[in-house]
N, C-alpha and C. Protein backbone atom coordinates (compact mmCIF):
# COMPACT_ATOMS: atom_id res chain seq x y z
N MET A 1 -13.19 -8.80 -2.14
CA MET A 1 -14.20 -9.83 -1.90
C MET A 1 -15.57 -9.20 -1.66
N CYS A 2 -15.60 -8.23 -0.73
CA CYS A 2 -16.86 -7.61 -0.37
C CYS A 2 -17.45 -6.80 -1.53
N PHE A 3 -16.56 -6.17 -2.31
CA PHE A 3 -17.02 -5.43 -3.49
C PHE A 3 -17.77 -6.36 -4.44
N MET A 4 -17.24 -7.54 -4.67
CA MET A 4 -17.87 -8.50 -5.58
C MET A 4 -19.22 -8.96 -5.04
N ILE A 5 -19.32 -9.16 -3.72
CA ILE A 5 -20.57 -9.61 -3.11
C ILE A 5 -21.67 -8.57 -3.32
N MET A 6 -21.37 -7.32 -2.94
CA MET A 6 -22.39 -6.27 -3.02
C MET A 6 -22.72 -5.94 -4.48
N LEU A 7 -21.72 -5.93 -5.34
CA LEU A 7 -21.97 -5.65 -6.75
C LEU A 7 -22.86 -6.72 -7.36
N ASP A 8 -22.60 -7.97 -7.03
CA ASP A 8 -23.38 -9.08 -7.57
C ASP A 8 -24.84 -8.99 -7.15
N SER A 9 -25.09 -8.63 -5.91
CA SER A 9 -26.46 -8.54 -5.41
C SER A 9 -27.29 -7.54 -6.21
N ASN A 10 -26.70 -6.41 -6.54
CA ASN A 10 -27.43 -5.37 -7.26
C ASN A 10 -27.48 -5.62 -8.76
N ILE A 11 -26.45 -6.28 -9.30
CA ILE A 11 -26.48 -6.62 -10.72
C ILE A 11 -27.64 -7.56 -11.02
N VAL A 12 -27.82 -8.57 -10.17
CA VAL A 12 -28.85 -9.57 -10.40
C VAL A 12 -30.24 -8.96 -10.39
N ALA A 13 -30.46 -8.00 -9.50
CA ALA A 13 -31.79 -7.37 -9.42
C ALA A 13 -32.19 -6.74 -10.74
N VAL A 14 -31.25 -6.14 -11.44
CA VAL A 14 -31.54 -5.52 -12.73
C VAL A 14 -31.78 -6.57 -13.81
N SER A 15 -31.19 -7.73 -13.66
CA SER A 15 -31.27 -8.78 -14.69
C SER A 15 -32.51 -9.65 -14.58
N LEU A 16 -33.31 -9.48 -13.54
CA LEU A 16 -34.43 -10.39 -13.30
C LEU A 16 -35.43 -10.48 -14.46
N PRO A 17 -35.84 -9.38 -15.08
CA PRO A 17 -36.78 -9.52 -16.21
C PRO A 17 -36.22 -10.37 -17.35
N SER A 18 -34.94 -10.19 -17.66
CA SER A 18 -34.32 -10.98 -18.73
C SER A 18 -34.24 -12.45 -18.34
N ILE A 19 -33.95 -12.72 -17.07
CA ILE A 19 -33.88 -14.11 -16.59
C ILE A 19 -35.25 -14.77 -16.73
N ALA A 20 -36.29 -14.06 -16.34
CA ALA A 20 -37.64 -14.62 -16.40
C ALA A 20 -38.03 -14.95 -17.83
N ARG A 21 -37.74 -14.06 -18.77
CA ARG A 21 -38.09 -14.31 -20.17
C ARG A 21 -37.31 -15.48 -20.74
N ASP A 22 -36.02 -15.54 -20.44
CA ASP A 22 -35.16 -16.56 -21.04
C ASP A 22 -35.47 -17.95 -20.49
N LEU A 23 -35.75 -18.05 -19.19
CA LEU A 23 -35.98 -19.35 -18.57
C LEU A 23 -37.45 -19.72 -18.50
N GLY A 24 -38.33 -18.82 -18.90
CA GLY A 24 -39.76 -19.08 -18.79
C GLY A 24 -40.19 -19.24 -17.34
N ALA A 25 -39.60 -18.45 -16.46
CA ALA A 25 -39.83 -18.59 -15.01
C ALA A 25 -41.06 -17.81 -14.58
N THR A 26 -41.69 -18.30 -13.51
CA THR A 26 -42.82 -17.61 -12.92
C THR A 26 -42.33 -16.49 -12.00
N ILE A 27 -43.28 -15.71 -11.50
CA ILE A 27 -42.92 -14.61 -10.60
C ILE A 27 -42.27 -15.15 -9.33
N SER A 28 -42.83 -16.22 -8.78
CA SER A 28 -42.25 -16.79 -7.55
C SER A 28 -40.86 -17.36 -7.79
N ASP A 29 -40.64 -17.95 -8.98
CA ASP A 29 -39.30 -18.45 -9.31
C ASP A 29 -38.27 -17.33 -9.29
N ILE A 30 -38.64 -16.21 -9.86
CA ILE A 30 -37.72 -15.08 -9.92
C ILE A 30 -37.51 -14.46 -8.55
N GLU A 31 -38.57 -14.44 -7.75
CA GLU A 31 -38.42 -13.93 -6.38
C GLU A 31 -37.45 -14.80 -5.58
N TRP A 32 -37.47 -16.11 -5.84
CA TRP A 32 -36.54 -17.00 -5.14
C TRP A 32 -35.11 -16.79 -5.61
N ALA A 33 -34.91 -16.32 -6.83
CA ALA A 33 -33.55 -16.06 -7.31
C ALA A 33 -32.85 -15.02 -6.46
N VAL A 34 -33.62 -14.09 -5.91
CA VAL A 34 -33.08 -13.10 -4.99
C VAL A 34 -33.12 -13.60 -3.55
N SER A 35 -34.26 -14.16 -3.16
CA SER A 35 -34.47 -14.53 -1.76
C SER A 35 -33.61 -15.70 -1.32
N ALA A 36 -33.33 -16.66 -2.21
CA ALA A 36 -32.49 -17.80 -1.84
C ALA A 36 -31.09 -17.33 -1.46
N TYR A 37 -30.58 -16.37 -2.18
CA TYR A 37 -29.26 -15.79 -1.89
C TYR A 37 -29.28 -15.06 -0.54
N VAL A 38 -30.27 -14.20 -0.36
CA VAL A 38 -30.34 -13.40 0.86
C VAL A 38 -30.59 -14.29 2.08
N LEU A 39 -31.39 -15.34 1.90
CA LEU A 39 -31.74 -16.22 3.01
C LEU A 39 -30.50 -16.93 3.56
N THR A 40 -29.73 -17.58 2.71
CA THR A 40 -28.54 -18.29 3.19
C THR A 40 -27.48 -17.31 3.68
N PHE A 41 -27.39 -16.17 3.04
CA PHE A 41 -26.42 -15.16 3.45
C PHE A 41 -26.73 -14.67 4.87
N ALA A 42 -27.99 -14.34 5.13
CA ALA A 42 -28.37 -13.83 6.45
C ALA A 42 -28.26 -14.91 7.53
N ALA A 43 -28.63 -16.14 7.18
CA ALA A 43 -28.63 -17.21 8.18
C ALA A 43 -27.22 -17.62 8.59
N LEU A 44 -26.25 -17.47 7.70
CA LEU A 44 -24.90 -17.99 7.96
C LEU A 44 -23.85 -16.91 8.20
N LEU A 45 -24.23 -15.65 8.16
CA LEU A 45 -23.24 -14.58 8.30
C LEU A 45 -22.57 -14.61 9.67
N MET A 46 -23.33 -14.65 10.74
CA MET A 46 -22.74 -14.68 12.08
C MET A 46 -22.02 -16.00 12.38
N PRO A 47 -22.62 -17.15 12.09
CA PRO A 47 -21.88 -18.40 12.32
C PRO A 47 -20.58 -18.49 11.53
N SER A 48 -20.54 -17.88 10.35
CA SER A 48 -19.32 -17.93 9.54
C SER A 48 -18.16 -17.25 10.24
N GLY A 49 -18.43 -16.17 10.97
CA GLY A 49 -17.38 -15.50 11.71
C GLY A 49 -16.81 -16.39 12.80
N THR A 50 -17.69 -17.10 13.51
CA THR A 50 -17.23 -18.03 14.54
C THR A 50 -16.42 -19.17 13.93
N LEU A 51 -16.90 -19.67 12.80
CA LEU A 51 -16.19 -20.76 12.12
C LEU A 51 -14.80 -20.31 11.68
N ALA A 52 -14.69 -19.09 11.18
CA ALA A 52 -13.39 -18.56 10.76
C ALA A 52 -12.44 -18.41 11.94
N ASP A 53 -12.96 -17.94 13.08
CA ASP A 53 -12.11 -17.80 14.27
C ASP A 53 -11.57 -19.14 14.75
N ARG A 54 -12.35 -20.19 14.58
CA ARG A 54 -11.95 -21.51 15.07
C ARG A 54 -11.03 -22.24 14.07
N LEU A 55 -11.37 -22.19 12.79
CA LEU A 55 -10.67 -23.00 11.80
C LEU A 55 -9.60 -22.24 11.02
N GLY A 56 -9.62 -20.94 11.10
CA GLY A 56 -8.65 -20.14 10.36
C GLY A 56 -9.34 -19.19 9.40
N ARG A 57 -9.02 -17.92 9.51
CA ARG A 57 -9.73 -16.92 8.71
C ARG A 57 -9.37 -16.99 7.23
N ARG A 58 -8.09 -17.19 6.92
CA ARG A 58 -7.72 -17.31 5.51
C ARG A 58 -8.34 -18.56 4.89
N ARG A 59 -8.34 -19.65 5.63
CA ARG A 59 -8.91 -20.89 5.11
C ARG A 59 -10.39 -20.72 4.77
N ILE A 60 -11.14 -20.12 5.68
CA ILE A 60 -12.58 -19.94 5.44
C ILE A 60 -12.82 -18.92 4.33
N ALA A 61 -11.96 -17.89 4.27
CA ALA A 61 -12.09 -16.93 3.17
C ALA A 61 -11.88 -17.60 1.82
N LEU A 62 -10.90 -18.48 1.74
CA LEU A 62 -10.65 -19.20 0.49
C LEU A 62 -11.80 -20.14 0.15
N VAL A 63 -12.35 -20.80 1.16
CA VAL A 63 -13.51 -21.65 0.92
C VAL A 63 -14.68 -20.82 0.42
N GLY A 64 -14.91 -19.68 1.06
CA GLY A 64 -16.01 -18.81 0.63
C GLY A 64 -15.84 -18.30 -0.78
N LEU A 65 -14.62 -17.88 -1.12
CA LEU A 65 -14.35 -17.41 -2.47
C LEU A 65 -14.56 -18.52 -3.50
N SER A 66 -14.10 -19.71 -3.17
CA SER A 66 -14.24 -20.84 -4.11
C SER A 66 -15.71 -21.20 -4.30
N VAL A 67 -16.45 -21.27 -3.20
CA VAL A 67 -17.88 -21.59 -3.28
C VAL A 67 -18.62 -20.53 -4.08
N PHE A 68 -18.33 -19.27 -3.81
CA PHE A 68 -19.00 -18.18 -4.51
C PHE A 68 -18.68 -18.21 -6.00
N THR A 69 -17.42 -18.46 -6.34
CA THR A 69 -17.01 -18.47 -7.75
C THR A 69 -17.64 -19.63 -8.51
N LEU A 70 -17.58 -20.82 -7.93
CA LEU A 70 -18.15 -21.99 -8.60
C LEU A 70 -19.66 -21.89 -8.73
N SER A 71 -20.33 -21.38 -7.70
CA SER A 71 -21.79 -21.23 -7.78
C SER A 71 -22.18 -20.14 -8.77
N SER A 72 -21.33 -19.12 -8.92
CA SER A 72 -21.59 -18.10 -9.95
C SER A 72 -21.52 -18.73 -11.34
N LEU A 73 -20.55 -19.63 -11.54
CA LEU A 73 -20.47 -20.34 -12.82
C LEU A 73 -21.72 -21.16 -13.05
N LEU A 74 -22.21 -21.84 -12.02
CA LEU A 74 -23.43 -22.64 -12.15
C LEU A 74 -24.63 -21.76 -12.43
N CYS A 75 -24.69 -20.59 -11.79
CA CYS A 75 -25.79 -19.65 -12.07
C CYS A 75 -25.78 -19.23 -13.54
N GLY A 76 -24.59 -18.92 -14.04
CA GLY A 76 -24.49 -18.47 -15.42
C GLY A 76 -24.83 -19.53 -16.44
N LEU A 77 -24.65 -20.81 -16.05
CA LEU A 77 -24.93 -21.90 -16.97
C LEU A 77 -26.26 -22.60 -16.68
N ALA A 78 -27.02 -22.09 -15.73
CA ALA A 78 -28.25 -22.75 -15.29
C ALA A 78 -29.24 -22.93 -16.45
N PRO A 79 -29.74 -24.16 -16.66
CA PRO A 79 -30.70 -24.41 -17.74
C PRO A 79 -32.13 -24.06 -17.36
N GLY A 80 -32.39 -23.91 -16.08
CA GLY A 80 -33.75 -23.62 -15.64
C GLY A 80 -33.76 -22.88 -14.32
N ALA A 81 -34.97 -22.47 -13.91
CA ALA A 81 -35.10 -21.65 -12.70
C ALA A 81 -34.71 -22.42 -11.44
N LEU A 82 -35.01 -23.72 -11.38
CA LEU A 82 -34.71 -24.49 -10.17
C LEU A 82 -33.20 -24.55 -9.93
N ILE A 83 -32.44 -24.87 -10.96
CA ILE A 83 -30.98 -24.92 -10.83
C ILE A 83 -30.44 -23.54 -10.47
N LEU A 84 -30.98 -22.51 -11.08
CA LEU A 84 -30.53 -21.16 -10.78
C LEU A 84 -30.76 -20.82 -9.31
N ASN A 85 -31.93 -21.15 -8.79
CA ASN A 85 -32.25 -20.82 -7.41
C ASN A 85 -31.39 -21.61 -6.42
N ILE A 86 -31.12 -22.88 -6.74
CA ILE A 86 -30.23 -23.67 -5.88
C ILE A 86 -28.82 -23.08 -5.89
N ALA A 87 -28.35 -22.72 -7.08
CA ALA A 87 -27.02 -22.13 -7.18
C ALA A 87 -26.95 -20.79 -6.46
N ARG A 88 -28.04 -20.04 -6.49
CA ARG A 88 -28.06 -18.75 -5.77
C ARG A 88 -27.99 -18.98 -4.27
N ALA A 89 -28.64 -20.03 -3.77
CA ALA A 89 -28.55 -20.33 -2.34
C ALA A 89 -27.11 -20.67 -1.95
N VAL A 90 -26.45 -21.47 -2.78
CA VAL A 90 -25.05 -21.81 -2.53
C VAL A 90 -24.17 -20.56 -2.62
N GLN A 91 -24.50 -19.69 -3.54
CA GLN A 91 -23.75 -18.45 -3.68
C GLN A 91 -23.87 -17.59 -2.42
N GLY A 92 -25.04 -17.61 -1.80
CA GLY A 92 -25.22 -16.89 -0.54
C GLY A 92 -24.34 -17.44 0.58
N ILE A 93 -24.14 -18.76 0.58
CA ILE A 93 -23.24 -19.38 1.57
C ILE A 93 -21.83 -18.86 1.37
N GLY A 94 -21.37 -18.86 0.13
CA GLY A 94 -20.04 -18.34 -0.16
C GLY A 94 -19.89 -16.87 0.22
N ALA A 95 -20.93 -16.09 -0.03
CA ALA A 95 -20.88 -14.66 0.31
C ALA A 95 -20.78 -14.46 1.82
N ALA A 96 -21.53 -15.24 2.59
CA ALA A 96 -21.47 -15.13 4.05
C ALA A 96 -20.08 -15.47 4.58
N LEU A 97 -19.48 -16.52 4.04
CA LEU A 97 -18.14 -16.91 4.46
C LEU A 97 -17.12 -15.82 4.13
N GLN A 98 -17.28 -15.19 2.99
CA GLN A 98 -16.34 -14.15 2.59
C GLN A 98 -16.46 -12.90 3.44
N LEU A 99 -17.69 -12.42 3.63
CA LEU A 99 -17.88 -11.14 4.30
C LEU A 99 -17.43 -11.19 5.76
N SER A 100 -17.81 -12.24 6.46
CA SER A 100 -17.44 -12.34 7.87
C SER A 100 -15.93 -12.46 8.05
N THR A 101 -15.28 -13.24 7.20
CA THR A 101 -13.83 -13.39 7.31
C THR A 101 -13.08 -12.14 6.87
N ALA A 102 -13.64 -11.39 5.93
CA ALA A 102 -12.99 -10.16 5.48
C ALA A 102 -12.85 -9.17 6.64
N LEU A 103 -13.91 -9.03 7.42
CA LEU A 103 -13.86 -8.11 8.55
C LEU A 103 -12.88 -8.61 9.62
N ALA A 104 -12.87 -9.91 9.86
CA ALA A 104 -11.94 -10.47 10.84
C ALA A 104 -10.49 -10.31 10.40
N ILE A 105 -10.24 -10.50 9.11
CA ILE A 105 -8.88 -10.34 8.58
C ILE A 105 -8.42 -8.88 8.70
N LEU A 106 -9.31 -7.95 8.41
CA LEU A 106 -8.96 -6.54 8.57
C LEU A 106 -8.60 -6.21 10.01
N SER A 107 -9.38 -6.73 10.95
CA SER A 107 -9.11 -6.47 12.36
C SER A 107 -7.77 -7.06 12.79
N TYR A 108 -7.42 -8.19 12.21
CA TYR A 108 -6.15 -8.85 12.57
C TYR A 108 -4.95 -8.16 11.93
N GLU A 109 -5.08 -7.75 10.67
CA GLU A 109 -3.95 -7.23 9.92
C GLU A 109 -3.59 -5.80 10.29
N PHE A 110 -4.55 -5.01 10.76
CA PHE A 110 -4.31 -3.59 10.99
C PHE A 110 -4.51 -3.25 12.47
N ARG A 111 -3.74 -2.27 12.95
CA ARG A 111 -3.81 -1.83 14.33
C ARG A 111 -3.87 -0.30 14.38
N GLY A 112 -4.47 0.23 15.43
CA GLY A 112 -4.48 1.66 15.67
C GLY A 112 -5.13 2.46 14.55
N PRO A 113 -4.50 3.59 14.18
CA PRO A 113 -5.07 4.44 13.11
C PRO A 113 -5.20 3.71 11.77
N ASP A 114 -4.29 2.77 11.52
CA ASP A 114 -4.36 2.02 10.26
C ASP A 114 -5.64 1.20 10.17
N ARG A 115 -6.09 0.69 11.31
CA ARG A 115 -7.33 -0.09 11.31
C ARG A 115 -8.52 0.80 10.96
N ALA A 116 -8.55 2.00 11.52
CA ALA A 116 -9.64 2.93 11.21
C ALA A 116 -9.66 3.27 9.72
N ARG A 117 -8.48 3.51 9.15
CA ARG A 117 -8.41 3.81 7.71
C ARG A 117 -8.82 2.59 6.88
N ALA A 118 -8.43 1.40 7.32
CA ALA A 118 -8.78 0.19 6.59
C ALA A 118 -10.29 -0.01 6.56
N PHE A 119 -10.93 0.18 7.71
CA PHE A 119 -12.39 0.01 7.75
C PHE A 119 -13.10 1.14 7.01
N GLY A 120 -12.50 2.34 7.01
CA GLY A 120 -13.08 3.43 6.23
C GLY A 120 -13.03 3.13 4.74
N PHE A 121 -11.90 2.59 4.30
CA PHE A 121 -11.77 2.21 2.89
C PHE A 121 -12.75 1.09 2.56
N TRP A 122 -12.89 0.11 3.47
CA TRP A 122 -13.83 -0.99 3.27
C TRP A 122 -15.25 -0.46 3.10
N GLY A 123 -15.65 0.48 3.96
CA GLY A 123 -16.99 1.06 3.85
C GLY A 123 -17.19 1.80 2.55
N THR A 124 -16.15 2.49 2.09
CA THR A 124 -16.25 3.20 0.82
C THR A 124 -16.43 2.23 -0.34
N VAL A 125 -15.67 1.14 -0.31
CA VAL A 125 -15.79 0.12 -1.36
C VAL A 125 -17.20 -0.45 -1.40
N ILE A 126 -17.76 -0.74 -0.23
CA ILE A 126 -19.13 -1.26 -0.18
C ILE A 126 -20.12 -0.26 -0.77
N GLY A 127 -19.98 1.01 -0.40
CA GLY A 127 -20.88 2.03 -0.93
C GLY A 127 -20.79 2.18 -2.43
N VAL A 128 -19.57 2.14 -2.96
CA VAL A 128 -19.38 2.24 -4.41
C VAL A 128 -20.00 1.05 -5.12
N ALA A 129 -19.85 -0.15 -4.54
CA ALA A 129 -20.42 -1.35 -5.15
C ALA A 129 -21.93 -1.28 -5.20
N VAL A 130 -22.55 -0.81 -4.12
CA VAL A 130 -24.01 -0.68 -4.08
C VAL A 130 -24.49 0.33 -5.13
N ALA A 131 -23.75 1.43 -5.27
CA ALA A 131 -24.16 2.46 -6.23
C ALA A 131 -23.96 2.01 -7.67
N LEU A 132 -22.88 1.28 -7.93
CA LEU A 132 -22.57 0.87 -9.31
C LEU A 132 -23.36 -0.35 -9.76
N GLY A 133 -23.87 -1.13 -8.82
CA GLY A 133 -24.54 -2.38 -9.16
C GLY A 133 -25.61 -2.26 -10.23
N PRO A 134 -26.62 -1.41 -10.05
CA PRO A 134 -27.67 -1.30 -11.08
C PRO A 134 -27.13 -0.85 -12.44
N LEU A 135 -26.18 0.09 -12.43
CA LEU A 135 -25.62 0.57 -13.69
C LEU A 135 -24.85 -0.53 -14.41
N VAL A 136 -23.97 -1.20 -13.67
CA VAL A 136 -23.18 -2.28 -14.26
C VAL A 136 -24.09 -3.43 -14.71
N GLY A 137 -25.11 -3.73 -13.89
CA GLY A 137 -26.04 -4.78 -14.25
C GLY A 137 -26.78 -4.48 -15.54
N GLY A 138 -27.22 -3.23 -15.69
CA GLY A 138 -27.90 -2.85 -16.93
C GLY A 138 -27.00 -2.95 -18.15
N ILE A 139 -25.76 -2.52 -18.00
CA ILE A 139 -24.82 -2.57 -19.13
C ILE A 139 -24.52 -4.01 -19.52
N ILE A 140 -24.24 -4.86 -18.52
CA ILE A 140 -23.91 -6.26 -18.80
C ILE A 140 -25.09 -6.98 -19.42
N THR A 141 -26.28 -6.79 -18.85
CA THR A 141 -27.46 -7.50 -19.34
C THR A 141 -27.82 -7.08 -20.76
N SER A 142 -27.79 -5.79 -21.03
CA SER A 142 -28.15 -5.31 -22.37
C SER A 142 -27.08 -5.62 -23.41
N SER A 143 -25.83 -5.70 -23.01
CA SER A 143 -24.74 -5.89 -23.96
C SER A 143 -24.38 -7.36 -24.18
N PHE A 144 -24.41 -8.15 -23.12
CA PHE A 144 -23.92 -9.52 -23.20
C PHE A 144 -24.96 -10.58 -22.80
N GLY A 145 -26.03 -10.17 -22.13
CA GLY A 145 -27.02 -11.12 -21.66
C GLY A 145 -26.91 -11.34 -20.15
N TRP A 146 -28.01 -11.78 -19.54
CA TRP A 146 -28.06 -11.89 -18.08
C TRP A 146 -27.07 -12.90 -17.52
N ARG A 147 -26.72 -13.92 -18.29
CA ARG A 147 -25.81 -14.94 -17.77
C ARG A 147 -24.44 -14.36 -17.39
N TRP A 148 -24.04 -13.31 -18.07
CA TRP A 148 -22.75 -12.69 -17.78
C TRP A 148 -22.79 -11.88 -16.49
N ALA A 149 -23.98 -11.61 -15.97
CA ALA A 149 -24.06 -10.98 -14.65
C ALA A 149 -23.49 -11.91 -13.58
N PHE A 150 -23.54 -13.22 -13.84
CA PHE A 150 -22.95 -14.21 -12.94
C PHE A 150 -21.55 -14.63 -13.40
N LEU A 151 -21.39 -14.84 -14.69
CA LEU A 151 -20.11 -15.35 -15.21
C LEU A 151 -18.97 -14.36 -15.01
N VAL A 152 -19.28 -13.07 -14.88
CA VAL A 152 -18.23 -12.09 -14.66
C VAL A 152 -17.52 -12.32 -13.34
N ASN A 153 -18.20 -13.01 -12.40
CA ASN A 153 -17.58 -13.29 -11.10
C ASN A 153 -16.49 -14.36 -11.17
N VAL A 154 -16.53 -15.18 -12.21
CA VAL A 154 -15.61 -16.33 -12.27
C VAL A 154 -14.15 -15.89 -12.40
N PRO A 155 -13.77 -15.07 -13.38
CA PRO A 155 -12.36 -14.66 -13.44
C PRO A 155 -11.95 -13.79 -12.26
N ILE A 156 -12.88 -12.96 -11.78
CA ILE A 156 -12.56 -12.12 -10.62
C ILE A 156 -12.32 -12.99 -9.40
N GLY A 157 -13.18 -13.98 -9.20
CA GLY A 157 -13.02 -14.88 -8.06
C GLY A 157 -11.73 -15.65 -8.13
N ALA A 158 -11.36 -16.12 -9.31
CA ALA A 158 -10.11 -16.86 -9.47
C ALA A 158 -8.90 -15.99 -9.12
N MET A 159 -8.93 -14.73 -9.53
CA MET A 159 -7.83 -13.83 -9.20
C MET A 159 -7.77 -13.55 -7.70
N LEU A 160 -8.92 -13.40 -7.07
CA LEU A 160 -8.95 -13.14 -5.63
C LEU A 160 -8.44 -14.34 -4.84
N VAL A 161 -8.75 -15.54 -5.29
CA VAL A 161 -8.23 -16.75 -4.63
C VAL A 161 -6.71 -16.76 -4.68
N ALA A 162 -6.15 -16.50 -5.85
CA ALA A 162 -4.69 -16.47 -5.99
C ALA A 162 -4.07 -15.37 -5.12
N LEU A 163 -4.74 -14.22 -5.06
CA LEU A 163 -4.23 -13.11 -4.25
C LEU A 163 -4.29 -13.45 -2.76
N ALA A 164 -5.39 -14.05 -2.33
CA ALA A 164 -5.52 -14.40 -0.91
C ALA A 164 -4.49 -15.43 -0.49
N VAL A 165 -4.19 -16.38 -1.35
CA VAL A 165 -3.20 -17.41 -1.03
C VAL A 165 -1.82 -16.79 -0.82
N SER A 166 -1.49 -15.79 -1.63
CA SER A 166 -0.14 -15.23 -1.59
C SER A 166 0.02 -14.08 -0.60
N VAL A 167 -1.05 -13.42 -0.23
CA VAL A 167 -0.94 -12.19 0.56
C VAL A 167 -1.46 -12.34 1.98
N VAL A 168 -2.60 -12.98 2.16
CA VAL A 168 -3.27 -13.02 3.47
C VAL A 168 -2.61 -14.05 4.38
N GLU A 169 -2.32 -13.64 5.61
CA GLU A 169 -1.76 -14.55 6.60
C GLU A 169 -2.88 -15.28 7.32
N GLU A 170 -2.59 -16.51 7.73
CA GLU A 170 -3.57 -17.29 8.49
C GLU A 170 -3.64 -16.77 9.93
N SER A 171 -4.83 -16.74 10.50
CA SER A 171 -5.01 -16.31 11.87
C SER A 171 -6.23 -16.99 12.47
N ARG A 172 -6.20 -17.13 13.79
CA ARG A 172 -7.30 -17.75 14.52
C ARG A 172 -7.52 -16.99 15.82
N ASP A 173 -8.64 -17.24 16.45
CA ASP A 173 -8.92 -16.70 17.77
C ASP A 173 -8.90 -17.85 18.76
N PRO A 174 -7.91 -17.89 19.65
CA PRO A 174 -7.83 -19.01 20.59
C PRO A 174 -9.00 -19.07 21.57
N ASP A 175 -9.70 -17.96 21.71
CA ASP A 175 -10.84 -17.91 22.64
C ASP A 175 -12.19 -18.00 21.91
N ALA A 176 -12.18 -18.47 20.68
CA ALA A 176 -13.42 -18.54 19.90
C ALA A 176 -14.42 -19.49 20.55
N VAL A 177 -15.68 -19.10 20.51
CA VAL A 177 -16.73 -19.92 21.10
C VAL A 177 -17.15 -21.01 20.12
N ARG A 178 -17.89 -21.97 20.64
CA ARG A 178 -18.39 -23.04 19.79
C ARG A 178 -19.56 -22.56 18.93
N LEU A 179 -19.73 -23.25 17.81
CA LEU A 179 -20.87 -22.96 16.95
C LEU A 179 -22.16 -23.42 17.63
N ASP A 180 -23.16 -22.58 17.57
CA ASP A 180 -24.48 -22.94 18.10
C ASP A 180 -25.28 -23.58 16.97
N LEU A 181 -25.10 -24.89 16.79
CA LEU A 181 -25.73 -25.58 15.67
C LEU A 181 -27.25 -25.57 15.77
N VAL A 182 -27.76 -25.75 16.97
CA VAL A 182 -29.22 -25.73 17.16
C VAL A 182 -29.77 -24.36 16.81
N GLY A 183 -29.09 -23.32 17.28
CA GLY A 183 -29.54 -21.96 16.96
C GLY A 183 -29.48 -21.68 15.47
N MET A 184 -28.42 -22.17 14.81
CA MET A 184 -28.32 -21.99 13.36
C MET A 184 -29.49 -22.63 12.63
N VAL A 185 -29.83 -23.86 13.02
CA VAL A 185 -30.92 -24.57 12.36
C VAL A 185 -32.25 -23.88 12.62
N LEU A 186 -32.48 -23.46 13.84
CA LEU A 186 -33.74 -22.82 14.18
C LEU A 186 -33.87 -21.46 13.48
N PHE A 187 -32.80 -20.69 13.49
CA PHE A 187 -32.85 -19.38 12.86
C PHE A 187 -33.02 -19.51 11.35
N GLY A 188 -32.22 -20.40 10.74
CA GLY A 188 -32.34 -20.60 9.30
C GLY A 188 -33.68 -21.17 8.90
N GLY A 189 -34.17 -22.13 9.69
CA GLY A 189 -35.49 -22.70 9.39
C GLY A 189 -36.60 -21.69 9.53
N GLY A 190 -36.51 -20.84 10.56
CA GLY A 190 -37.51 -19.80 10.73
C GLY A 190 -37.52 -18.80 9.59
N LEU A 191 -36.32 -18.40 9.16
CA LEU A 191 -36.23 -17.49 8.02
C LEU A 191 -36.81 -18.11 6.76
N PHE A 192 -36.50 -19.40 6.54
CA PHE A 192 -37.01 -20.07 5.34
C PHE A 192 -38.53 -20.12 5.35
N CYS A 193 -39.11 -20.46 6.49
CA CYS A 193 -40.58 -20.54 6.58
C CYS A 193 -41.21 -19.18 6.33
N LEU A 194 -40.60 -18.13 6.87
CA LEU A 194 -41.13 -16.78 6.66
C LEU A 194 -41.06 -16.39 5.19
N VAL A 195 -39.90 -16.63 4.57
CA VAL A 195 -39.74 -16.27 3.16
C VAL A 195 -40.65 -17.11 2.28
N TRP A 196 -40.77 -18.40 2.59
CA TRP A 196 -41.66 -19.26 1.80
C TRP A 196 -43.10 -18.78 1.89
N ALA A 197 -43.54 -18.39 3.08
CA ALA A 197 -44.91 -17.91 3.25
C ALA A 197 -45.15 -16.65 2.43
N LEU A 198 -44.18 -15.76 2.40
CA LEU A 198 -44.35 -14.51 1.67
C LEU A 198 -44.33 -14.72 0.15
N ILE A 199 -43.53 -15.68 -0.33
CA ILE A 199 -43.39 -15.87 -1.77
C ILE A 199 -44.40 -16.87 -2.32
N ASP A 200 -44.49 -18.03 -1.69
CA ASP A 200 -45.30 -19.12 -2.24
C ASP A 200 -46.61 -19.36 -1.51
N GLY A 201 -46.84 -18.62 -0.43
CA GLY A 201 -48.05 -18.88 0.35
C GLY A 201 -49.33 -18.71 -0.44
N ASN A 202 -49.42 -17.64 -1.21
CA ASN A 202 -50.64 -17.38 -1.96
C ASN A 202 -50.86 -18.43 -3.04
N LYS A 203 -49.76 -18.80 -3.72
CA LYS A 203 -49.87 -19.82 -4.77
C LYS A 203 -50.25 -21.18 -4.19
N ALA A 204 -49.75 -21.46 -2.99
CA ALA A 204 -50.06 -22.74 -2.35
C ALA A 204 -51.48 -22.81 -1.83
N GLY A 205 -52.12 -21.66 -1.68
CA GLY A 205 -53.53 -21.68 -1.32
C GLY A 205 -53.87 -21.20 0.07
N TRP A 206 -53.44 -19.98 0.40
CA TRP A 206 -53.83 -19.43 1.70
C TRP A 206 -55.34 -19.27 1.79
N ARG A 207 -55.98 -18.88 0.70
CA ARG A 207 -57.42 -18.67 0.74
C ARG A 207 -58.16 -19.98 1.02
N ARG A 208 -57.70 -21.07 0.37
CA ARG A 208 -58.32 -22.37 0.62
C ARG A 208 -58.11 -22.82 2.06
N LEU A 209 -56.90 -22.53 2.58
CA LEU A 209 -56.61 -22.90 3.96
C LEU A 209 -57.50 -22.14 4.93
N LEU A 210 -57.70 -20.86 4.71
CA LEU A 210 -58.54 -20.05 5.58
C LEU A 210 -60.00 -20.49 5.51
N ARG A 211 -60.46 -20.83 4.30
CA ARG A 211 -61.84 -21.30 4.16
C ARG A 211 -62.03 -22.62 4.88
N ALA A 212 -61.02 -23.51 4.81
CA ALA A 212 -61.14 -24.80 5.48
C ALA A 212 -61.22 -24.63 7.00
N ARG A 213 -60.49 -23.64 7.54
CA ARG A 213 -60.52 -23.43 8.97
C ARG A 213 -61.85 -22.86 9.41
N ARG A 214 -62.49 -22.12 8.54
CA ARG A 214 -63.82 -21.60 8.88
C ARG A 214 -64.88 -22.69 8.85
């Protein structure tokens, strides 16, 4: 799961010029293709762990995998930049659900020295995915087109869903805390405002706003 998340993040970065040309997207549109994913991923990563502890780690992992896979399909079929950016935001939600539950599942399934080896292997997989991302992204984009940078996740995601259903045991934390919904909204809203200011602020007219205040 985590390998697919990290690989996808780096593949997309390499595909951005091709996406911009094919969709006729502006610079800010393309920046949102990356930022929409990172924004929802960062805002929901910690709450996703709490949600998994309360509702079941395998259940949330399956939801995350399904959301990520379906949104990858939508990204690959997106007719325009707006649909692509919305699908990328949804993809970030799925990624957050997957990553947080993956760590919780590892902690539950392994004990003692086996846990240390499991987390060591997990870290190695993440490192390999980060290193291979640009290379794989370049090969896919040049050989098959940028849409396959997203569509490649669909069969992989389907296989992972089937594997998780048959292999992963359900687990919960009886002492899990409640979700801080107000904190989630405030943190996510603050991140969105910051990212919007950095990407669209100049286009929206920071100079005009500053002149008006003077």
